[in-house]
Amino acid sequence: MTARAADPGITLPKWLIEFAYGTGTYRGLPESVMATLADEDSPLHASCAAMRDGAGRLLAAAQAAGTVRADVTPDELFALVTAVGWIAEQAPALESQRERLLILITEGLRAP
């Protein structure tokens, strides 16, 4: 099944979970990703921008399907999911709540 054929209402939340856990795997990665996005001269800027743009495409598909609020931007989505990885890193007690935080984000993104 291709990403285009997949249900955007399922694909976006799955990506959010995978990304949040993935960025939490390496200490400092969430902060580094966000800093690199702000630094167009960084050699890693293009890679981080490609991740953000990929998230934007998933977001646009979910918005077009009517499953996600139309007023959410790719930058906001990327910041939210990266923040979950950062929070789990900064407050180890919250690491066990990472999935709960992702559920709260996902529910907050739902279209009314």
Protein backbone atom coordinates (compact mmCIF):
# COMPACT_ATOMS: atom_id res chain seq x y z
CA MET A 1 0.00 0.00 0.00
CA THR A 2 1.42 3.39 -0.91
CA ALA A 3 1.27 6.43 1.31
CA ARG A 4 -1.21 8.01 -1.12
CA ALA A 5 -3.53 5.01 -0.89
CA ALA A 6 -3.33 4.85 2.90
CA ASP A 7 -6.00 6.36 5.14
CA PRO A 8 -4.68 9.83 6.13
CA GLY A 9 -6.56 9.58 9.41
CA ILE A 10 -4.34 6.61 10.30
CA THR A 11 -1.13 7.52 8.48
CA LEU A 12 -0.59 10.87 10.18
CA PRO A 13 -0.99 9.59 13.77
CA LYS A 14 1.28 6.63 12.99
CA TRP A 15 3.92 8.99 11.66
CA LEU A 16 3.59 11.23 14.73
CA ILE A 17 4.24 8.27 17.02
CA GLU A 18 7.17 6.96 14.99
CA PHE A 19 8.77 10.39 14.73
CA ALA A 20 8.35 11.24 18.41
CA TYR A 21 9.87 7.93 19.48
CA GLY A 22 12.60 8.18 16.84
CA THR A 23 13.73 11.64 17.89
CA GLY A 24 13.70 10.54 21.51
CA THR A 25 16.18 7.76 20.75
CA TYR A 26 19.17 10.08 20.49
CA ARG A 27 19.94 12.60 23.21
CA GLY A 28 19.73 16.14 21.87
CA LEU A 29 18.15 15.20 18.54
CA PRO A 30 14.80 17.00 19.01
CA GLU A 31 16.54 20.26 19.88
CA SER A 32 19.08 19.77 17.08
CA VAL A 33 16.36 19.19 14.47
CA MET A 34 14.55 22.38 15.39
CA ALA A 35 17.78 24.42 15.53
CA THR A 36 18.85 23.05 12.15
CA LEU A 37 15.54 24.07 10.60
CA ALA A 38 16.20 27.63 11.74
CA ASP A 39 19.74 27.61 10.29
CA GLU A 40 19.61 27.53 6.50
CA ASP A 41 23.43 27.43 6.39
CA SER A 42 23.57 24.15 8.31
CA PRO A 43 24.63 21.15 6.22
CA LEU A 44 21.71 19.26 7.80
CA HIS A 45 19.09 21.90 7.01
CA ALA A 46 17.93 20.21 3.80
CA SER A 47 17.43 16.85 5.55
CA CYS A 48 15.46 18.37 8.41
CA ALA A 49 13.41 20.47 5.99
CA ALA A 50 12.64 17.32 3.99
CA MET A 51 11.33 15.63 7.17
CA ARG A 52 9.19 18.68 7.94
CA ASP A 53 7.94 18.80 4.35
CA GLY A 54 7.07 15.10 4.49
CA ALA A 55 5.06 15.77 7.62
CA GLY A 56 3.42 18.64 5.78
CA ARG A 57 2.32 16.31 2.98
CA LEU A 58 0.82 13.88 5.51
CA LEU A 59 -0.89 16.80 7.22
CA ALA A 60 -2.27 18.14 3.92
CA ALA A 61 -3.67 14.72 3.04
CA ALA A 62 -5.35 14.41 6.44
CA GLN A 63 -6.74 17.94 6.12
CA ALA A 64 -8.05 17.20 2.61
CA ALA A 65 -9.74 14.08 3.99
CA GLY A 66 -11.36 16.20 6.69
CA THR A 67 -9.76 14.31 9.59
CA VAL A 68 -7.45 17.09 10.79
CA ARG A 69 -8.17 20.74 11.56
CA ALA A 70 -7.64 22.97 8.55
CA ASP A 71 -5.85 25.66 10.57
CA VAL A 72 -2.83 23.54 11.56
CA THR A 73 0.39 24.34 9.70
CA PRO A 74 3.25 21.94 8.94
CA ASP A 75 5.56 24.01 11.14
CA GLU A 76 3.14 23.75 14.08
CA LEU A 77 2.73 20.00 13.62
CA PHE A 78 6.48 19.45 13.38
CA ALA A 79 7.12 21.62 16.46
CA LEU A 80 4.51 19.72 18.48
CA VAL A 81 5.80 16.27 17.67
CA THR A 82 9.43 17.29 18.15
CA ALA A 83 8.50 18.82 21.51
CA VAL A 84 7.20 15.46 22.72
CA GLY A 85 10.62 13.90 22.06
CA TRP A 86 12.31 16.83 23.79
CA ILE A 87 10.01 16.66 26.82
CA ALA A 88 10.67 12.94 27.26
CA GLU A 89 14.40 13.69 27.14
CA GLN A 90 14.28 16.61 29.59
CA ALA A 91 11.93 15.01 32.10
CA PRO A 92 12.57 11.25 32.23
CA ALA A 93 9.48 10.83 34.42
CA LEU A 94 7.41 11.95 31.42
CA GLU A 95 9.04 9.47 29.02
CA SER A 96 6.52 6.85 30.09
CA GLN A 97 3.77 9.34 29.22
CA ARG A 98 5.04 10.00 25.69
CA GLU A 99 2.21 8.01 24.14
CA ARG A 100 -0.35 9.89 26.24
CA LEU A 101 1.10 13.22 25.06
CA LEU A 102 0.89 12.01 21.46
CA ILE A 103 -2.74 10.98 21.96
CA LEU A 104 -3.51 14.45 23.33
CA ILE A 105 -1.87 16.04 20.30
CA THR A 106 -3.66 13.73 17.89
CA GLU A 107 -7.01 14.42 19.52
CA GLY A 108 -6.32 18.14 19.48
CA LEU A 109 -5.58 17.99 15.75
CA ARG A 110 -8.89 16.33 14.89
CA ALA A 111 -11.28 18.29 12.78
CA PRO A 112 -14.39 19.40 14.68
